[in-house]
Amino acid sequence: MTGTACRVCAAPLRTFLDLGDHPLSSAFLTPAEALDGAGDTVRYRLAAGQCERCALVQLTGDVPYERRPHQGYPYHSSGSAVMREHFRAAGLRLLRTELHGARGALAVEIGCTDGVVLRTLADAGVRPLAFEPSGRCGYGAARVRPDFLTAASAREAVAAEGRARVVYAANTVCDIADLPGLFAGLDELLTADGAFVFEDPYLGEIVRRTAFDQFYDEHRWYFTATSVRALAERYGFRLTGVERLPVHGGQLRYVLTRAGRRRPAPEVAEVLAEEEARGLTGPAALDAFAGRVERVRGDLVALLEALRAAGRTVAGYGATAKSCTVATYCGLGPHLVPYVCDSTPAKQGRVTPGAHIPVRPPAAFAAPYPDYALLFAWNHAEEIMAKEQAFRAAGGRWILYVPEVRVV
């Protein structure tokens, strides 16, 4: 079925996935708010479509940024050893491939939390600068502009700092509503030979893994190399590099440079050809994905209902934004998942959006261990399972639902 027009090129948008009405993914409520219903008033239709011209996948509905409470529950990359090392390596890569060790050069990050990338660059003598609308960044407030990157904010930064050799963003561009404004800012901010390097969840991996929980309100866009190429060319840039990343369930890192300044790396053509062969630029692969999503829902609910009937105990692990998508779409609640453990203090003592599953601190996971743990934070499965070996030793088993429902 055909939905609204593409927000970038205005061509027809074909809806392929409709997960129903959802609450805001980070709207964790107090128990009192859950009882009186005051906290569940903002809901939106979680549906995704693909542009028939530029192939960009996007949410067909929208939630105003100011209605999202997610800034109260920040994601800290340093909380995961894997992500801490990933961002340190990203900084080293920028030093090697884009900055070439130039001391004193300006490097900008759009959206940052713990400042791991910026600290890595600063340690090598690069001048770091962050555009972070929340104003929070682990690197230090003196080098943070509490702004979105736009043409106006970029001109202000250039007047004070000069132009940047590289602009980097991780898990940020997929949430920026104003993509034309972003590229206008990049045009003002980057040097003639500068590069925009960004990484986001890769639609190809989402489809391959049937990772439907990657769809939620804070992700507006779901990129492929094909759609990023079209997006870049629309605003005078060119896709000149791609790199596969294993984090967060599979991402691509894209390198965009001004048109005519750099030849694309061979990997660009390879990924573009692969996407064409897999059908990611048309409806067939996405329709098949939607069918698999429905099967996962049925299998997961059936498993949890069978465990409840057998008297087994189940706990959720990780009160993530992704868990909101799963719980809402599958109709999960305390009757099937009595509680979920999460290490974020601000979430503890509250209940999850919509489903109203109580959130408990990590210590509750072992007091006592449940028979089964539903791993919402499946993208950190290896790290989590290594940390929770005592759970397995006590006879506990993990429930996974990506790419299919299984018990391990």
Protein backbone atom coordinates (compact mmCIF):
# COMPACT_ATOMS: atom_id res chain seq x y z
CA MET A 1 0.00 0.00 0.00
CA THR A 2 1.12 3.56 -0.68
CA GLY A 3 1.50 6.04 2.19
CA THR A 4 2.62 9.65 2.33
CA ALA A 5 5.30 11.29 0.24
CA CYS A 6 9.02 10.88 0.89
CA ARG A 7 10.23 13.58 3.27
CA VAL A 8 13.38 14.09 1.22
CA CYS A 9 12.43 13.92 -2.48
CA ALA A 10 8.59 14.03 -2.27
CA ALA A 11 8.16 10.89 -4.40
CA PRO A 12 5.48 8.32 -3.43
CA LEU A 13 6.19 6.39 -0.25
CA ARG A 14 5.15 2.73 -0.13
CA THR A 15 4.31 1.40 3.34
CA PHE A 16 5.57 -2.15 3.93
CA LEU A 17 5.48 -2.47 7.74
CA ASP A 18 2.75 -1.45 10.18
CA LEU A 19 3.34 -2.35 13.84
CA GLY A 20 0.29 -0.50 15.20
CA ASP A 21 -0.06 2.33 17.70
CA HIS A 22 2.87 2.78 20.08
CA PRO A 23 3.82 4.93 23.06
CA LEU A 24 7.02 6.96 23.03
CA SER A 25 9.85 4.47 23.46
CA SER A 26 11.50 6.33 26.33
CA ALA A 27 8.38 7.43 28.19
CA PHE A 28 9.03 5.41 31.34
CA LEU A 29 6.34 6.12 33.92
CA THR A 30 6.05 6.10 37.67
CA PRO A 31 3.65 3.44 38.96
CA ALA A 32 1.19 6.20 39.85
CA GLU A 33 1.28 7.62 36.33
CA ALA A 34 0.68 4.15 34.94
CA LEU A 35 -2.37 3.70 37.16
CA ASP A 36 -4.07 6.96 36.19
CA GLY A 37 -3.09 6.71 32.51
CA ALA A 38 -1.63 10.20 32.44
CA GLY A 39 1.69 9.13 30.97
CA ASP A 40 0.41 7.16 27.97
CA THR A 41 -1.40 9.99 26.20
CA VAL A 42 1.16 10.50 23.41
CA ARG A 43 0.99 7.67 20.92
CA TYR A 44 1.93 7.38 17.28
CA ARG A 45 1.54 4.92 14.41
CA LEU A 46 4.73 2.89 14.07
CA ALA A 47 4.82 2.20 10.35
CA ALA A 48 7.61 2.34 7.79
CA GLY A 49 7.67 2.96 4.06
CA GLN A 50 10.18 3.07 1.25
CA CYS A 51 10.49 5.89 -1.25
CA GLU A 52 9.78 4.67 -4.76
CA ARG A 53 12.42 7.02 -6.20
CA CYS A 54 15.37 7.30 -3.79
CA ALA A 55 14.72 4.02 -1.88
CA LEU A 56 15.05 5.76 1.50
CA VAL A 57 13.13 3.87 4.20
CA GLN A 58 11.48 6.12 6.77
CA LEU A 59 8.76 6.21 9.38
CA THR A 60 5.49 7.25 7.80
CA GLY A 61 4.23 8.85 11.00
CA ASP A 62 6.10 11.38 13.07
CA VAL A 63 6.51 12.40 16.69
CA PRO A 64 7.57 15.99 17.41
CA TYR A 65 11.07 16.00 18.88
CA GLU A 66 9.99 18.17 21.81
CA ARG A 67 7.43 15.55 22.92
CA ARG A 68 10.12 12.92 23.41
CA PRO A 69 11.42 12.51 26.95
CA HIS A 70 14.44 10.45 25.91
CA GLN A 71 16.96 13.06 27.07
CA GLY A 72 16.14 12.01 30.63
CA TYR A 73 17.45 8.50 29.92
CA PRO A 74 20.78 9.05 28.18
CA TYR A 75 22.68 6.25 26.53
CA HIS A 76 26.25 6.05 27.80
CA SER A 77 28.65 4.29 25.46
CA SER A 78 31.16 3.77 28.27
CA GLY A 79 28.66 1.47 29.98
CA SER A 80 29.61 -1.21 27.45
CA ALA A 81 33.21 -2.30 27.05
CA VAL A 82 32.46 -3.30 23.46
CA MET A 83 31.06 0.13 22.58
CA ARG A 84 33.81 1.93 24.47
CA GLU A 85 36.40 0.16 22.33
CA HIS A 86 34.32 0.66 19.19
CA PHE A 87 34.29 4.44 19.61
CA ARG A 88 37.95 4.57 20.55
CA ALA A 89 38.71 2.67 17.33
CA ALA A 90 36.45 5.04 15.41
CA GLY A 91 38.48 7.98 16.65
CA LEU A 92 41.72 6.30 15.65
CA ARG A 93 40.27 5.57 12.22
CA LEU A 94 39.39 9.24 11.71
CA LEU A 95 42.91 10.21 12.70
CA ARG A 96 44.36 7.78 10.18
CA THR A 97 42.07 8.16 7.17
CA GLU A 98 40.64 11.68 7.36
CA LEU A 99 42.88 13.78 9.60
CA HIS A 100 46.17 12.12 8.68
CA GLY A 101 47.57 12.94 12.07
CA ALA A 102 47.29 16.71 11.53
CA ARG A 103 47.66 18.35 14.92
CA GLY A 104 45.46 21.38 15.45
CA ALA A 105 42.91 20.37 12.81
CA LEU A 106 39.24 20.77 13.76
CA ALA A 107 37.08 17.65 14.07
CA VAL A 108 33.36 17.84 14.87
CA GLU A 109 31.01 15.24 16.31
CA ILE A 110 27.24 15.59 15.91
CA GLY A 111 25.51 14.17 18.96
CA CYS A 112 27.75 12.76 21.65
CA THR A 113 27.26 11.32 25.11
CA ASP A 114 30.42 10.16 26.81
CA GLY A 115 32.79 11.89 24.43
CA VAL A 116 34.89 8.78 23.74
CA VAL A 117 35.60 9.77 20.13
CA LEU A 118 36.38 13.38 21.01
CA ARG A 119 38.77 12.41 23.80
CA THR A 120 40.60 10.05 21.44
CA LEU A 121 41.01 12.85 18.92
CA ALA A 122 42.04 15.40 21.52
CA ASP A 123 44.71 13.06 22.88
CA ALA A 124 46.27 13.14 19.40
CA GLY A 125 46.34 16.94 19.27
CA VAL A 126 43.16 17.46 17.23
CA ARG A 127 40.77 20.26 18.22
CA PRO A 128 37.45 18.58 19.07
CA LEU A 129 34.04 20.25 18.91
CA ALA A 130 30.58 18.78 19.51
CA PHE A 131 27.15 19.82 18.32
CA GLU A 132 24.90 18.33 21.02
CA PRO A 133 21.44 19.90 21.44
CA SER A 134 21.05 18.51 24.97
CA GLY A 135 24.28 20.23 26.00
CA ARG A 136 25.53 17.03 27.60
CA CYS A 137 28.81 15.54 26.47
CA GLY A 138 31.41 13.66 28.43
CA TYR A 139 34.21 15.57 26.78
CA GLY A 140 33.49 18.87 28.52
CA ALA A 141 31.08 21.77 28.15
CA ALA A 142 33.73 24.17 26.88
CA ARG A 143 33.88 22.30 23.58
CA VAL A 144 30.16 21.64 23.17
CA ARG A 145 27.72 23.75 21.22
CA PRO A 146 24.14 23.08 22.47
CA ASP A 147 22.78 23.34 18.92
CA PHE A 148 21.63 21.27 16.00
CA LEU A 149 23.97 21.47 13.04
CA THR A 150 22.35 23.90 10.59
CA ALA A 151 23.69 26.46 8.16
CA ALA A 152 23.35 29.19 10.78
CA SER A 153 24.99 27.28 13.64
CA ALA A 154 27.74 26.08 11.29
CA ARG A 155 28.55 29.65 10.24
CA GLU A 156 28.85 30.65 13.89
CA ALA A 157 31.22 27.74 14.54
CA VAL A 158 33.34 28.54 11.49
CA ALA A 159 33.66 32.15 12.59
CA ALA A 160 35.01 31.01 15.95
CA GLU A 161 36.89 27.83 15.02
CA GLY A 162 37.49 27.68 11.27
CA ARG A 163 36.34 24.86 9.04
CA ALA A 164 36.39 21.20 10.02
CA ARG A 165 38.42 18.49 8.31
CA VAL A 166 35.93 15.85 9.39
CA VAL A 167 32.43 15.69 10.85
CA TYR A 168 31.46 12.44 12.56
CA ALA A 169 28.14 11.10 13.84
CA ALA A 170 27.12 7.75 15.35
CA ASN A 171 23.48 6.68 15.71
CA THR A 172 22.45 10.27 15.19
CA VAL A 173 21.63 10.98 11.54
CA CYS A 174 18.84 8.40 11.64
CA ASP A 175 17.06 10.66 14.13
CA ILE A 176 17.59 14.07 12.51
CA ALA A 177 14.30 15.37 11.12
CA ASP A 178 15.77 18.14 8.99
CA LEU A 179 18.16 16.38 6.61
CA PRO A 180 18.28 19.34 4.20
CA GLY A 181 19.28 21.53 7.15
CA LEU A 182 21.97 19.03 8.16
CA PHE A 183 23.54 19.05 4.70
CA ALA A 184 23.37 22.83 4.54
CA GLY A 185 25.32 22.86 7.80
CA LEU A 186 27.85 20.39 6.45
CA ASP A 187 28.34 22.53 3.37
CA GLU A 188 29.16 25.52 5.57
CA LEU A 189 31.29 23.62 8.08
CA LEU A 190 33.50 21.27 6.08
CA THR A 191 36.69 22.21 4.29
CA ALA A 192 36.76 21.66 0.52
CA ASP A 193 38.39 18.26 1.01
CA GLY A 194 36.60 17.46 4.27
CA ALA A 195 34.53 14.35 4.92
CA PHE A 196 31.28 13.58 6.69
CA VAL A 197 31.55 10.15 8.33
CA PHE A 198 28.47 8.67 9.94
CA GLU A 199 27.26 5.27 11.10
CA ASP A 200 23.73 4.09 11.70
CA PRO A 201 21.75 0.84 11.82
CA TYR A 202 21.86 -0.79 8.39
CA LEU A 203 18.54 -1.68 6.78
CA GLY A 204 20.22 -4.65 5.11
CA GLU A 205 21.03 -6.17 8.50
CA ILE A 206 17.64 -5.26 9.96
CA VAL A 207 15.99 -7.17 7.12
CA ARG A 208 18.40 -10.10 7.26
CA ARG A 209 17.99 -10.51 11.01
CA THR A 210 14.24 -9.72 11.07
CA ALA A 211 15.20 -7.13 13.69
CA PHE A 212 11.86 -5.32 13.68
CA ASP A 213 12.59 -3.80 17.09
CA GLN A 214 15.04 -1.44 15.40
CA PHE A 215 11.92 0.47 14.34
CA TYR A 216 10.84 2.99 16.99
CA ASP A 217 10.10 6.69 17.30
CA GLU A 218 13.66 7.90 17.79
CA HIS A 219 14.77 6.43 14.44
CA ARG A 220 13.19 8.32 11.56
CA TRP A 221 15.42 6.97 8.76
CA TYR A 222 16.74 3.48 7.88
CA PHE A 223 19.65 3.76 5.51
CA THR A 224 21.22 1.65 2.80
CA ALA A 225 24.19 2.56 0.65
CA THR A 226 21.71 3.04 -2.18
CA SER A 227 19.59 5.58 -0.32
CA VAL A 228 22.62 7.36 1.17
CA ARG A 229 24.12 7.73 -2.30
CA ALA A 230 20.89 9.36 -3.53
CA LEU A 231 20.71 11.56 -0.44
CA ALA A 232 24.31 12.72 -0.78
CA GLU A 233 23.96 13.53 -4.48
CA ARG A 234 20.84 15.57 -3.82
CA TYR A 235 22.88 17.96 -1.68
CA GLY A 236 26.12 18.15 -3.62
CA PHE A 237 27.99 15.32 -1.91
CA ARG A 238 29.11 11.87 -3.01
CA LEU A 239 29.22 8.51 -1.26
CA THR A 240 32.90 7.60 -1.40
CA GLY A 241 33.27 4.98 1.34
CA VAL A 242 31.35 2.30 3.22
CA GLU A 243 32.42 0.05 6.06
CA ARG A 244 30.51 -2.80 7.71
CA LEU A 245 30.29 -2.61 11.50
CA PRO A 246 29.20 -5.44 13.81
CA VAL A 247 27.82 -3.24 16.62
CA HIS A 248 24.14 -2.66 17.42
CA GLY A 249 23.04 -5.62 15.35
CA GLY A 250 24.87 -4.51 12.21
CA GLN A 251 25.60 -1.03 10.92
CA LEU A 252 27.22 0.66 7.95
CA ARG A 253 29.65 3.52 8.26
CA TYR A 254 29.38 5.94 5.34
CA VAL A 255 31.94 8.44 4.09
CA LEU A 256 30.55 11.44 2.19
CA THR A 257 32.72 14.02 0.46
CA ARG A 258 31.99 16.94 -1.82
CA ALA A 259 31.19 15.96 -5.39
CA GLY A 260 34.31 15.68 -7.54
CA ARG A 261 36.80 15.70 -4.65
CA ARG A 262 37.33 11.97 -4.11
CA ARG A 263 36.83 8.72 -6.04
CA PRO A 264 34.59 6.12 -4.41
CA ALA A 265 36.35 3.18 -2.79
CA PRO A 266 35.73 -0.23 -4.43
CA GLU A 267 33.57 -1.26 -1.46
CA VAL A 268 30.92 1.26 -2.48
CA ALA A 269 30.15 -0.48 -5.77
CA GLU A 270 30.25 -3.86 -4.04
CA VAL A 271 27.67 -2.91 -1.43
CA LEU A 272 25.45 -1.19 -4.00
CA ALA A 273 25.49 -4.32 -6.19
CA GLU A 274 24.72 -6.51 -3.18
CA GLU A 275 21.73 -4.37 -2.22
CA GLU A 276 20.38 -4.58 -5.77
CA ALA A 277 20.81 -8.37 -5.80
CA ARG A 278 19.05 -8.74 -2.44
CA GLY A 279 16.12 -6.64 -3.58
CA LEU A 280 16.57 -3.98 -0.92
CA THR A 281 15.75 -1.30 -3.46
CA GLY A 282 12.30 -2.74 -4.21
CA PRO A 283 9.23 -4.17 -2.46
CA ALA A 284 9.79 -7.93 -2.50
CA ALA A 285 12.47 -8.18 0.20
CA LEU A 286 10.67 -5.73 2.47
CA ASP A 287 7.32 -7.51 2.12
CA ALA A 288 9.00 -10.82 2.98
CA PHE A 289 10.57 -9.15 6.01
CA ALA A 290 7.15 -8.00 7.20
CA GLY A 291 5.84 -11.53 6.90
CA ARG A 292 8.67 -12.87 9.05
CA VAL A 293 7.96 -10.18 11.65
CA GLU A 294 4.42 -11.50 12.06
CA ARG A 295 5.72 -15.03 12.56
CA VAL A 296 8.16 -13.88 15.24
CA ARG A 297 5.32 -12.23 17.13
CA GLY A 298 3.23 -15.39 17.08
CA ASP A 299 6.13 -17.61 18.12
CA LEU A 300 7.25 -15.33 20.95
CA VAL A 301 3.80 -14.95 22.47
CA ALA A 302 3.18 -18.70 22.20
CA LEU A 303 6.46 -19.47 23.97
CA LEU A 304 5.85 -17.03 26.81
CA GLU A 305 2.29 -18.26 27.31
CA ALA A 306 3.51 -21.86 27.44
CA LEU A 307 6.16 -20.99 30.02
CA ARG A 308 3.59 -19.21 32.17
CA ALA A 309 1.24 -22.18 31.95
CA ALA A 310 4.09 -24.45 33.02
CA GLY A 311 4.81 -22.28 36.08
CA ARG A 312 8.19 -21.06 34.83
CA THR A 313 9.50 -17.64 35.79
CA VAL A 314 10.54 -15.11 33.14
CA ALA A 315 12.32 -11.77 33.41
CA GLY A 316 13.21 -9.22 30.78
CA TYR A 317 16.82 -8.10 30.39
CA GLY A 318 17.40 -4.54 29.17
CA ALA A 319 14.65 -1.89 29.24
CA THR A 320 15.75 -0.62 25.84
CA ALA A 321 13.87 1.47 23.31
CA LYS A 322 13.73 -1.72 21.26
CA SER A 323 11.92 -3.48 24.11
CA CYS A 324 9.07 -0.98 23.78
CA THR A 325 8.55 -2.00 20.16
CA VAL A 326 8.57 -5.70 21.02
CA ALA A 327 6.31 -5.41 24.07
CA THR A 328 3.78 -3.18 22.31
CA TYR A 329 3.63 -5.07 19.03
CA CYS A 330 3.49 -8.48 20.75
CA GLY A 331 1.11 -7.43 23.51
CA LEU A 332 3.56 -8.31 26.28
CA GLY A 333 2.95 -7.12 29.83
CA PRO A 334 3.55 -8.16 33.44
CA HIS A 335 1.34 -11.20 32.88
CA LEU A 336 4.03 -12.65 30.59
CA VAL A 337 7.14 -10.69 31.64
CA PRO A 338 6.70 -9.70 35.32
CA TYR A 339 9.74 -7.38 35.38
CA VAL A 340 12.74 -6.24 33.38
CA CYS A 341 16.21 -5.48 34.76
CA ASP A 342 18.15 -2.46 33.54
CA SER A 343 21.30 -0.68 34.70
CA THR A 344 20.00 2.86 34.05
CA PRO A 345 19.18 4.35 37.49
CA ALA A 346 16.61 6.80 36.07
CA LYS A 347 14.52 3.91 34.72
CA GLN A 348 14.58 1.81 37.90
CA GLY A 349 11.42 1.95 39.97
CA ARG A 350 9.40 2.99 36.93
CA VAL A 351 7.43 0.93 34.42
CA THR A 352 8.03 0.51 30.72
CA PRO A 353 6.07 2.58 28.19
CA GLY A 354 2.69 1.16 27.31
CA ALA A 355 3.30 -2.35 28.61
CA HIS A 356 3.86 -1.12 32.21
CA ILE A 357 6.41 -3.80 33.04
CA PRO A 358 8.25 -2.84 36.27
CA VAL A 359 11.92 -1.93 35.83
CA ARG A 360 14.26 -3.27 38.49
CA PRO A 361 18.00 -2.78 39.07
CA PRO A 362 20.48 -5.44 37.90
CA ALA A 363 20.78 -6.87 41.44
CA ALA A 364 17.18 -8.08 41.19
CA PHE A 365 18.14 -10.43 38.37
CA ALA A 366 19.88 -12.76 40.84
CA ALA A 367 17.41 -12.42 43.72
CA PRO A 368 16.62 -15.15 42.79
CA TYR A 369 17.43 -15.88 39.15
CA PRO A 370 14.41 -16.45 36.89
CA ASP A 371 14.10 -19.66 34.91
CA TYR A 372 14.25 -17.71 31.64
CA ALA A 373 15.45 -14.25 30.60
CA LEU A 374 14.00 -12.49 27.57
CA LEU A 375 16.99 -10.65 26.12
CA PHE A 376 15.71 -7.34 24.79
CA ALA A 377 19.30 -6.04 24.54
CA TRP A 378 20.13 -8.80 22.03
CA ASN A 379 22.62 -6.57 20.20
CA HIS A 380 24.88 -6.94 23.26
CA ALA A 381 24.17 -10.68 23.65
CA GLU A 382 27.77 -11.88 23.66
CA GLU A 383 28.89 -9.33 26.25
CA ILE A 384 25.81 -9.86 28.44
CA MET A 385 25.96 -13.64 28.39
CA ALA A 386 29.64 -13.57 29.29
CA LYS A 387 28.84 -11.32 32.25
CA GLU A 388 25.87 -13.43 33.39
CA GLN A 389 27.51 -16.85 33.43
CA ALA A 390 26.19 -17.45 36.95
CA PHE A 391 22.66 -17.30 35.52
CA ARG A 392 23.47 -20.15 33.14
CA ALA A 393 25.24 -22.05 35.88
CA ALA A 394 22.07 -21.83 37.97
CA GLY A 395 20.09 -23.42 35.14
CA GLY A 396 18.80 -20.24 33.56
CA ARG A 397 18.16 -19.99 29.83
CA TRP A 398 17.99 -17.06 27.45
CA ILE A 399 15.08 -16.30 25.13
CA LEU A 400 16.06 -14.61 21.88
CA TYR A 401 13.75 -13.43 19.11
CA VAL A 402 16.23 -12.20 16.49
CA PRO A 403 16.31 -13.53 13.80
CA GLU A 404 13.79 -16.06 15.12
CA VAL A 405 12.41 -17.12 18.48
CA ARG A 406 14.67 -19.62 20.21
CA VAL A 407 15.88 -20.65 23.68
CA VAL A 408 19.61 -20.95 24.32
